[in-house]
Amino acid sequence: MKMLSEIAKEALELSSGQRRILARILLDLSDEDQDFSPDVEASWEDEICRRMEAVHSGHAKNRNYDEVMNELDARFGA
């Protein structure tokens, strides 16, 4: 088994995004009631990063709250 200092050293070599994923994994694993999947967690992290990049690059479009809620009501029934 690796020593904690070895694991920490290796973690510091990860990119900041990978460290965030690792932190979330460790936090999720500390909650015994949490249903955890590393693949699902990594997919969510990718999606979050993709959405943040769209906002920062100006490609994301904002919409009015009422417009979105009306569309959801029409789509799924009020």
PDB file of N, CA and C in Angstrom:
ATOM      1  N   MET A   1       0.847  -1.181   0.000  1.00  0.00           N
ATOM      2  CA  MET A   1       0.000   0.000   0.000  1.00  0.00           C
ATOM      3  C   MET A   1       0.892   1.243   0.000  1.00  0.00           C
ATOM      4  N   LYS A   2       0.500   2.240  -0.785  1.00  0.00           N
ATOM      5  CA  LYS A   2       1.267   3.481  -0.869  1.00  0.00           C
ATOM      6  C   LYS A   2       1.091   4.314   0.391  1.00  0.00           C
ATOM      7  N   MET A   3       2.123   5.049   0.724  1.00  0.00           N
ATOM      8  CA  MET A   3       2.054   5.990   1.837  1.00  0.00           C
ATOM      9  C   MET A   3       1.272   7.220   1.380  1.00  0.00           C
ATOM     10  N   LEU A   4       0.625   7.877   2.316  1.00  0.00           N
ATOM     11  CA  LEU A   4      -0.158   9.070   2.014  1.00  0.00           C
ATOM     12  C   LEU A   4       0.709  10.140   1.350  1.00  0.00           C
ATOM     13  N   SER A   5       1.953  10.270   1.781  1.00  0.00           N
ATOM     14  CA  SER A   5       2.839  11.278   1.187  1.00  0.00           C
ATOM     15  C   SER A   5       3.100  10.990  -0.288  1.00  0.00           C
ATOM     16  N   GLU A   6       3.186   9.701  -0.657  1.00  0.00           N
ATOM     17  CA  GLU A   6       3.377   9.331  -2.062  1.00  0.00           C
ATOM     18  C   GLU A   6       2.140   9.696  -2.885  1.00  0.00           C
ATOM     19  N   ILE A   7       0.984   9.411  -2.328  1.00  0.00           N
ATOM     20  CA  ILE A   7      -0.267   9.712  -3.028  1.00  0.00           C
ATOM     21  C   ILE A   7      -0.408  11.220  -3.211  1.00  0.00           C
ATOM     22  N   ALA A   8      -0.102  11.975  -2.161  1.00  0.00           N
ATOM     23  CA  ALA A   8      -0.202  13.432  -2.243  1.00  0.00           C
ATOM     24  C   ALA A   8       0.758  13.974  -3.295  1.00  0.00           C
ATOM     25  N   LYS A   9       1.977  13.447  -3.338  1.00  0.00           N
ATOM     26  CA  LYS A   9       2.962  13.898  -4.328  1.00  0.00           C
ATOM     27  C   LYS A   9       2.450  13.638  -5.745  1.00  0.00           C
ATOM     28  N   GLU A  10       1.887  12.453  -5.963  1.00  0.00           N
ATOM     29  CA  GLU A  10       1.342  12.126  -7.283  1.00  0.00           C
ATOM     30  C   GLU A  10       0.140  13.004  -7.615  1.00  0.00           C
ATOM     31  N   ALA A  11      -0.686  13.297  -6.625  1.00  0.00           N
ATOM     32  CA  ALA A  11      -1.854  14.142  -6.856  1.00  0.00           C
ATOM     33  C   ALA A  11      -1.428  15.545  -7.277  1.00  0.00           C
ATOM     34  N   LEU A  12      -0.342  16.036  -6.731  1.00  0.00           N
ATOM     35  CA  LEU A  12       0.140  17.371  -7.088  1.00  0.00           C
ATOM     36  C   LEU A  12       0.636  17.444  -8.530  1.00  0.00           C
ATOM     37  N   GLU A  13       0.925  16.305  -9.116  1.00  0.00           N
ATOM     38  CA  GLU A  13       1.367  16.263 -10.513  1.00  0.00           C
ATOM     39  C   GLU A  13       0.197  16.290 -11.495  1.00  0.00           C
ATOM     40  N   LEU A  14      -1.023  16.130 -10.977  1.00  0.00           N
ATOM     41  CA  LEU A  14      -2.215  16.159 -11.828  1.00  0.00           C
ATOM     42  C   LEU A  14      -2.522  17.590 -12.258  1.00  0.00           C
ATOM     43  N   SER A  15      -3.270  17.714 -13.343  1.00  0.00           N
ATOM     44  CA  SER A  15      -3.747  19.037 -13.757  1.00  0.00           C
ATOM     45  C   SER A  15      -4.774  19.521 -12.735  1.00  0.00           C
ATOM     46  N   SER A  16      -5.071  20.808 -12.756  1.00  0.00           N
ATOM     47  CA  SER A  16      -6.028  21.338 -11.786  1.00  0.00           C
ATOM     48  C   SER A  16      -7.401  20.687 -11.954  1.00  0.00           C
ATOM     49  N   GLY A  17      -7.810  20.422 -13.184  1.00  0.00           N
ATOM     50  CA  GLY A  17      -9.088  19.758 -13.422  1.00  0.00           C
ATOM     51  C   GLY A  17      -9.104  18.346 -12.858  1.00  0.00           C
ATOM     52  N   GLN A  18      -8.015  17.623 -13.037  1.00  0.00           N
ATOM     53  CA  GLN A  18      -7.929  16.268 -12.504  1.00  0.00           C
ATOM     54  C   GLN A  18      -7.918  16.280 -10.977  1.00  0.00           C
ATOM     55  N   ARG A  19      -7.279  17.282 -10.386  1.00  0.00           N
ATOM     56  CA  ARG A  19      -7.282  17.390  -8.917  1.00  0.00           C
ATOM     57  C   ARG A  19      -8.689  17.667  -8.400  1.00  0.00           C
ATOM     58  N   ARG A  20      -9.459  18.499  -9.128  1.00  0.00           N
ATOM     59  CA  ARG A  20     -10.846  18.751  -8.723  1.00  0.00           C
ATOM     60  C   ARG A  20     -11.668  17.468  -8.781  1.00  0.00           C
ATOM     61  N   ILE A  21     -11.477  16.685  -9.836  1.00  0.00           N
ATOM     62  CA  ILE A  21     -12.197  15.416  -9.958  1.00  0.00           C
ATOM     63  C   ILE A  21     -11.816  14.497  -8.804  1.00  0.00           C
ATOM     64  N   LEU A  22     -10.523  14.418  -8.513  1.00  0.00           N
ATOM     65  CA  LEU A  22     -10.059  13.574  -7.415  1.00  0.00           C
ATOM     66  C   LEU A  22     -10.659  14.030  -6.088  1.00  0.00           C
ATOM     67  N   ALA A  23     -10.692  15.335  -5.878  1.00  0.00           N
ATOM     68  CA  ALA A  23     -11.267  15.863  -4.629  1.00  0.00           C
ATOM     69  C   ALA A  23     -12.736  15.485  -4.517  1.00  0.00           C
ATOM     70  N   ARG A  24     -13.472  15.611  -5.612  1.00  0.00           N
ATOM     71  CA  ARG A  24     -14.890  15.239  -5.584  1.00  0.00           C
ATOM     72  C   ARG A  24     -15.056  13.750  -5.314  1.00  0.00           C
ATOM     73  N   ILE A  25     -14.206  12.940  -5.941  1.00  0.00           N
ATOM     74  CA  ILE A  25     -14.272  11.496  -5.718  1.00  0.00           C
ATOM     75  C   ILE A  25     -14.062  11.186  -4.241  1.00  0.00           C
ATOM     76  N   LEU A  26     -13.037  11.775  -3.655  1.00  0.00           N
ATOM     77  CA  LEU A  26     -12.737  11.514  -2.251  1.00  0.00           C
ATOM     78  C   LEU A  26     -13.859  11.996  -1.343  1.00  0.00           C
ATOM     79  N   LEU A  27     -14.423  13.158  -1.648  1.00  0.00           N
ATOM     80  CA  LEU A  27     -15.538  13.661  -0.845  1.00  0.00           C
ATOM     81  C   LEU A  27     -16.762  12.768  -0.984  1.00  0.00           C
ATOM     82  N   ASP A  28     -17.046  12.349  -2.212  1.00  0.00           N
ATOM     83  CA  ASP A  28     -18.198  11.478  -2.433  1.00  0.00           C
ATOM     84  C   ASP A  28     -18.024  10.136  -1.723  1.00  0.00           C
ATOM     85  N   LEU A  29     -16.814   9.612  -1.731  1.00  0.00           N
ATOM     86  CA  LEU A  29     -16.567   8.335  -1.079  1.00  0.00           C
ATOM     87  C   LEU A  29     -16.678   8.428   0.436  1.00  0.00           C
ATOM     88  N   SER A  30     -16.515   9.629   0.984  1.00  0.00           N
ATOM     89  CA  SER A  30     -16.612   9.783   2.430  1.00  0.00           C
ATOM     90  C   SER A  30     -18.067   9.779   2.899  1.00  0.00           C
ATOM     91  N   ASP A  31     -19.003   9.945   1.983  1.00  0.00           N
ATOM     92  CA  ASP A  31     -20.432   9.892   2.299  1.00  0.00           C
ATOM     93  C   ASP A  31     -20.925   8.476   2.005  1.00  0.00           C
ATOM     94  N   GLU A  32     -21.179   7.708   3.044  1.00  0.00           N
ATOM     95  CA  GLU A  32     -21.550   6.300   2.874  1.00  0.00           C
ATOM     96  C   GLU A  32     -22.853   6.102   2.110  1.00  0.00           C
ATOM     97  N   ASP A  33     -23.740   7.099   2.139  1.00  0.00           N
ATOM     98  CA  ASP A  33     -25.026   6.988   1.451  1.00  0.00           C
ATOM     99  C   ASP A  33     -24.931   7.356  -0.024  1.00  0.00           C
ATOM    100  N   GLN A  34     -23.785   7.853  -0.458  1.00  0.00           N
ATOM    101  CA  GLN A  34     -23.605   8.327  -1.824  1.00  0.00           C
ATOM    102  C   GLN A  34     -23.383   7.155  -2.779  1.00  0.00           C
ATOM    103  N   ASP A  35     -24.154   7.109  -3.860  1.00  0.00           N
ATOM    104  CA  ASP A  35     -23.948   6.131  -4.922  1.00  0.00           C
ATOM    105  C   ASP A  35     -22.932   6.734  -5.871  1.00  0.00           C
ATOM    106  N   PHE A  36     -21.733   6.194  -5.915  1.00  0.00           N
ATOM    107  CA  PHE A  36     -20.622   6.836  -6.616  1.00  0.00           C
ATOM    108  C   PHE A  36     -20.145   6.006  -7.788  1.00  0.00           C
ATOM    109  N   SER A  37     -19.885   6.692  -8.895  1.00  0.00           N
ATOM    110  CA  SER A  37     -19.289   6.068 -10.072  1.00  0.00           C
ATOM    111  C   SER A  37     -18.227   7.010 -10.613  1.00  0.00           C
ATOM    112  N   PRO A  38     -16.957   6.574 -10.650  1.00  0.00           N
ATOM    113  CA  PRO A  38     -15.901   7.441 -11.195  1.00  0.00           C
ATOM    114  C   PRO A  38     -16.177   7.883 -12.632  1.00  0.00           C
ATOM    115  N   ASP A  39     -16.762   6.992 -13.438  1.00  0.00           N
ATOM    116  CA  ASP A  39     -17.053   7.343 -14.832  1.00  0.00           C
ATOM    117  C   ASP A  39     -18.117   8.430 -14.921  1.00  0.00           C
ATOM    118  N   VAL A  40     -19.143   8.310 -14.104  1.00  0.00           N
ATOM    119  CA  VAL A  40     -20.204   9.320 -14.099  1.00  0.00           C
ATOM    120  C   VAL A  40     -19.635  10.644 -13.600  1.00  0.00           C
ATOM    121  N   GLU A  41     -18.854  10.590 -12.548  1.00  0.00           N
ATOM    122  CA  GLU A  41     -18.255  11.800 -11.987  1.00  0.00           C
ATOM    123  C   GLU A  41     -17.363  12.499 -13.017  1.00  0.00           C
ATOM    124  N   ALA A  42     -16.556  11.727 -13.735  1.00  0.00           N
ATOM    125  CA  ALA A  42     -15.678  12.303 -14.754  1.00  0.00           C
ATOM    126  C   ALA A  42     -16.497  12.904 -15.898  1.00  0.00           C
ATOM    127  N   SER A  43     -17.593  12.257 -16.263  1.00  0.00           N
ATOM    128  CA  SER A  43     -18.449  12.792 -17.322  1.00  0.00           C
ATOM    129  C   SER A  43     -19.080  14.115 -16.904  1.00  0.00           C
ATOM    130  N   TRP A  44     -19.531  14.199 -15.642  1.00  0.00           N
ATOM    131  CA  TRP A  44     -20.094  15.452 -15.152  1.00  0.00           C
ATOM    132  C   TRP A  44     -19.032  16.548 -15.141  1.00  0.00           C
ATOM    133  N   GLU A  45     -17.827  16.220 -14.736  1.00  0.00           N
ATOM    134  CA  GLU A  45     -16.752  17.215 -14.714  1.00  0.00           C
ATOM    135  C   GLU A  45     -16.484  17.718 -16.131  1.00  0.00           C
ATOM    136  N   ASP A  46     -16.452  16.811 -17.112  1.00  0.00           N
ATOM    137  CA  ASP A  46     -16.259  17.217 -18.507  1.00  0.00           C
ATOM    138  C   ASP A  46     -17.377  18.143 -18.969  1.00  0.00           C
ATOM    139  N   GLU A  47     -18.617  17.803 -18.615  1.00  0.00           N
ATOM    140  CA  GLU A  47     -19.762  18.620 -19.017  1.00  0.00           C
ATOM    141  C   GLU A  47     -19.704  20.001 -18.368  1.00  0.00           C
ATOM    142  N   ILE A  48     -19.360  20.050 -17.089  1.00  0.00           N
ATOM    143  CA  ILE A  48     -19.238  21.329 -16.395  1.00  0.00           C
ATOM    144  C   ILE A  48     -18.171  22.191 -17.059  1.00  0.00           C
ATOM    145  N   CYS A  49     -17.026  21.596 -17.367  1.00  0.00           N
ATOM    146  CA  CYS A  49     -15.944  22.347 -18.020  1.00  0.00           C
ATOM    147  C   CYS A  49     -16.373  22.835 -19.398  1.00  0.00           C
ATOM    148  N   ARG A  50     -17.098  21.992 -20.135  1.00  0.00           N
ATOM    149  CA  ARG A  50     -17.576  22.380 -21.470  1.00  0.00           C
ATOM    150  C   ARG A  50     -18.521  23.573 -21.370  1.00  0.00           C
ATOM    151  N   ARG A  51     -19.422  23.536 -20.409  1.00  0.00           N
ATOM    152  CA  ARG A  51     -20.373  24.638 -20.236  1.00  0.00           C
ATOM    153  C   ARG A  51     -19.674  25.911 -19.784  1.00  0.00           C
ATOM    154  N   MET A  52     -18.707  25.783 -18.890  1.00  0.00           N
ATOM    155  CA  MET A  52     -17.975  26.966 -18.433  1.00  0.00           C
ATOM    156  C   MET A  52     -17.196  27.598 -19.589  1.00  0.00           C
ATOM    157  N   GLU A  53     -16.611  26.771 -20.433  1.00  0.00           N
ATOM    158  CA  GLU A  53     -15.870  27.283 -21.588  1.00  0.00           C
ATOM    159  C   GLU A  53     -16.812  28.000 -22.545  1.00  0.00           C
ATOM    160  N   ALA A  54     -18.021  27.469 -22.741  1.00  0.00           N
ATOM    161  CA  ALA A  54     -19.000  28.120 -23.611  1.00  0.00           C
ATOM    162  C   ALA A  54     -19.375  29.496 -23.074  1.00  0.00           C
ATOM    163  N   VAL A  55     -19.506  29.609 -21.762  1.00  0.00           N
ATOM    164  CA  VAL A  55     -19.818  30.906 -21.154  1.00  0.00           C
ATOM    165  C   VAL A  55     -18.654  31.865 -21.338  1.00  0.00           C
ATOM    166  N   HIS A  56     -17.455  31.409 -21.012  1.00  0.00           N
ATOM    167  CA  HIS A  56     -16.267  32.279 -21.098  1.00  0.00           C
ATOM    168  C   HIS A  56     -15.956  32.716 -22.525  1.00  0.00           C
ATOM    169  N   SER A  57     -16.239  31.845 -23.494  1.00  0.00           N
ATOM    170  CA  SER A  57     -15.934  32.181 -24.889  1.00  0.00           C
ATOM    171  C   SER A  57     -17.038  33.005 -25.544  1.00  0.00           C
ATOM    172  N   GLY A  58     -18.176  33.145 -24.861  1.00  0.00           N
ATOM    173  CA  GLY A  58     -19.282  33.915 -25.411  1.00  0.00           C
ATOM    174  C   GLY A  58     -20.220  33.111 -26.289  1.00  0.00           C
ATOM    175  N   HIS A  59     -20.045  31.793 -26.362  1.00  0.00           N
ATOM    176  CA  HIS A  59     -20.900  30.957 -27.193  1.00  0.00           C
ATOM    177  C   HIS A  59     -22.187  30.536 -26.490  1.00  0.00           C
ATOM    178  N   ALA A  60     -22.225  30.638 -25.181  1.00  0.00           N
ATOM    179  CA  ALA A  60     -23.441  30.283 -24.441  1.00  0.00           C
ATOM    180  C   ALA A  60     -24.452  31.414 -24.586  1.00  0.00           C
ATOM    181  N   LYS A  61     -25.704  31.041 -24.684  1.00  0.00           N
ATOM    182  CA  LYS A  61     -26.761  32.041 -24.816  1.00  0.00           C
ATOM    183  C   LYS A  61     -27.614  32.018 -23.559  1.00  0.00           C
ATOM    184  N   ASN A  62     -27.861  33.194 -23.016  1.00  0.00           N
ATOM    185  CA  ASN A  62     -28.745  33.248 -21.859  1.00  0.00           C
ATOM    186  C   ASN A  62     -30.176  33.429 -22.332  1.00  0.00           C
ATOM    187  N   ARG A  63     -31.094  32.973 -21.491  1.00  0.00           N
ATOM    188  CA  ARG A  63     -32.506  33.085 -21.811  1.00  0.00           C
ATOM    189  C   ARG A  63     -33.251  33.567 -20.586  1.00  0.00           C
ATOM    190  N   ASN A  64     -34.344  34.207 -20.831  1.00  0.00           N
ATOM    191  CA  ASN A  64     -35.199  34.721 -19.785  1.00  0.00           C
ATOM    192  C   ASN A  64     -35.806  33.559 -19.003  1.00  0.00           C
ATOM    193  N   TYR A  65     -35.847  33.694 -17.676  1.00  0.00           N
ATOM    194  CA  TYR A  65     -36.389  32.650 -16.804  1.00  0.00           C
ATOM    195  C   TYR A  65     -37.815  32.273 -17.194  1.00  0.00           C
ATOM    196  N   ASP A  66     -38.667  33.268 -17.376  1.00  0.00           N
ATOM    197  CA  ASP A  66     -40.070  32.991 -17.714  1.00  0.00           C
ATOM    198  C   ASP A  66     -40.190  32.246 -19.038  1.00  0.00           C
ATOM    199  N   GLU A  67     -39.364  32.619 -20.007  1.00  0.00           N
ATOM    200  CA  GLU A  67     -39.364  31.944 -21.300  1.00  0.00           C
ATOM    201  C   GLU A  67     -39.008  30.467 -21.139  1.00  0.00           C
ATOM    202  N   VAL A  68     -37.991  30.188 -20.362  1.00  0.00           N
ATOM    203  CA  VAL A  68     -37.569  28.803 -20.142  1.00  0.00           C
ATOM    204  C   VAL A  68     -38.652  28.015 -19.411  1.00  0.00           C
ATOM    205  N   MET A  69     -39.228  28.605 -18.364  1.00  0.00           N
ATOM    206  CA  MET A  69     -40.258  27.907 -17.602  1.00  0.00           C
ATOM    207  C   MET A  69     -41.503  27.654 -18.455  1.00  0.00           C
ATOM    208  N   ASN A  70     -41.895  28.616 -19.299  1.00  0.00           N
ATOM    209  CA  ASN A  70     -43.034  28.409 -20.197  1.00  0.00           C
ATOM    210  C   ASN A  70     -42.760  27.279 -21.176  1.00  0.00           C
ATOM    211  N   GLU A  71     -41.539  27.225 -21.682  1.00  0.00           N
ATOM    212  CA  GLU A  71     -41.172  26.155 -22.607  1.00  0.00           C
ATOM    213  C   GLU A  71     -41.228  24.796 -21.904  1.00  0.00           C
ATOM    214  N   LEU A  72     -40.729  24.724 -20.666  1.00  0.00           N
ATOM    215  CA  LEU A  72     -40.781  23.470 -19.918  1.00  0.00           C
ATOM    216  C   LEU A  72     -42.223  23.057 -19.611  1.00  0.00           C
ATOM    217  N   ASP A  73     -43.064  24.032 -19.250  1.00  0.00           N
ATOM    218  CA  ASP A  73     -44.466  23.717 -19.002  1.00  0.00           C
ATOM    219  C   ASP A  73     -45.143  23.180 -20.253  1.00  0.00           C
ATOM    220  N   ALA A  74     -44.839  23.789 -21.404  1.00  0.00           N
ATOM    221  CA  ALA A  74     -45.428  23.323 -22.657  1.00  0.00           C
ATOM    222  C   ALA A  74     -44.919  21.929 -23.022  1.00  0.00           C
ATOM    223  N   ARG A  75     -43.690  21.680 -22.731  1.00  0.00           N
ATOM    224  CA  ARG A  75     -43.080  20.415 -23.106  1.00  0.00           C
ATOM    225  C   ARG A  75     -43.513  19.272 -22.182  1.00  0.00           C
ATOM    226  N   PHE A  76     -43.580  19.533 -20.878  1.00  0.00           N
ATOM    227  CA  PHE A  76     -43.832  18.477 -19.912  1.00  0.00           C
ATOM    228  C   PHE A  76     -45.164  18.606 -19.180  1.00  0.00           C
ATOM    229  N   GLY A  77     -45.932  19.602 -19.513  1.00  0.00           N
ATOM    230  CA  GLY A  77     -47.231  19.793 -18.871  1.00  0.00           C
ATOM    231  C   GLY A  77     -47.105  20.517 -17.540  1.00  0.00           C
ATOM    232  N   ALA A  78     -47.983  21.476 -17.349  1.00  0.00           N
ATOM    233  CA  ALA A  78     -47.920  22.293 -16.127  1.00  0.00           C
ATOM    234  C   ALA A  78     -48.599  21.630 -14.975  1.00  0.00           C
TER     235      ALA A  78
END
